[in-house]
């Protein structure tokens, strides 16, 4: 059986961070990417260079139906647009998880996620599609996370938290634990600033910062 090509869509900052992960784990389909895929390359809408880290960077038109793709763009809204574009092209969305990530078999996650080194997803938690978890991020039990959500490095999401689609949680943020009957809620499209400590619900579209986190915009 011929192995597919893995395309990392986006050769910017996070895309460069994803490359060693892709080489290491190959989308979870095999022990190494060399066994899971016939080739690895970057896709970019406007390539600024031809190669990064020994991996070619090519225009999106070079991808073919049946190729696999991991979308490495941090902005959730843009990620959604690219996901739909890739689906229309017949590309297969891959989930990439570092070997050091600990993802419970008693948890669930939608397609197209990226779990960087030392991320943890605990039992009973549920994550939607196209989630990004940067290094050392933690998702505790009974959390419910929507689609196109992004966690920066070292985010701590304690148990019984609900996070809406397109939310962005900045580096080092800590989210207080809710309860089964009263989950702490972070709304759709909300932004939690880096280092913030979230102790109460965050409305849709709000920007919160500080300790305790307060609405800034």
Foldseek 3Di string as FASTA:
>chain_A
DAAAEEEEEDPDDQSVVCVVLCQQCVLVPDRGVVVRHVYYAYEYCDDPDQDDPNHGYDHPVPDAAAHEYAYRDLQLVVVVVVVVVCVVRNYHFGETAGPQEAEDPQEEEETREYHEHQEYAEHQEYYYYNEYAYANEYHEHNEYYYYSEYEEANEYEYEQAYEAAREYEYAQEYEDADDPVGGAYEAHNEYEYHNEYDDHHHYHNFYWYDDPTDTDD
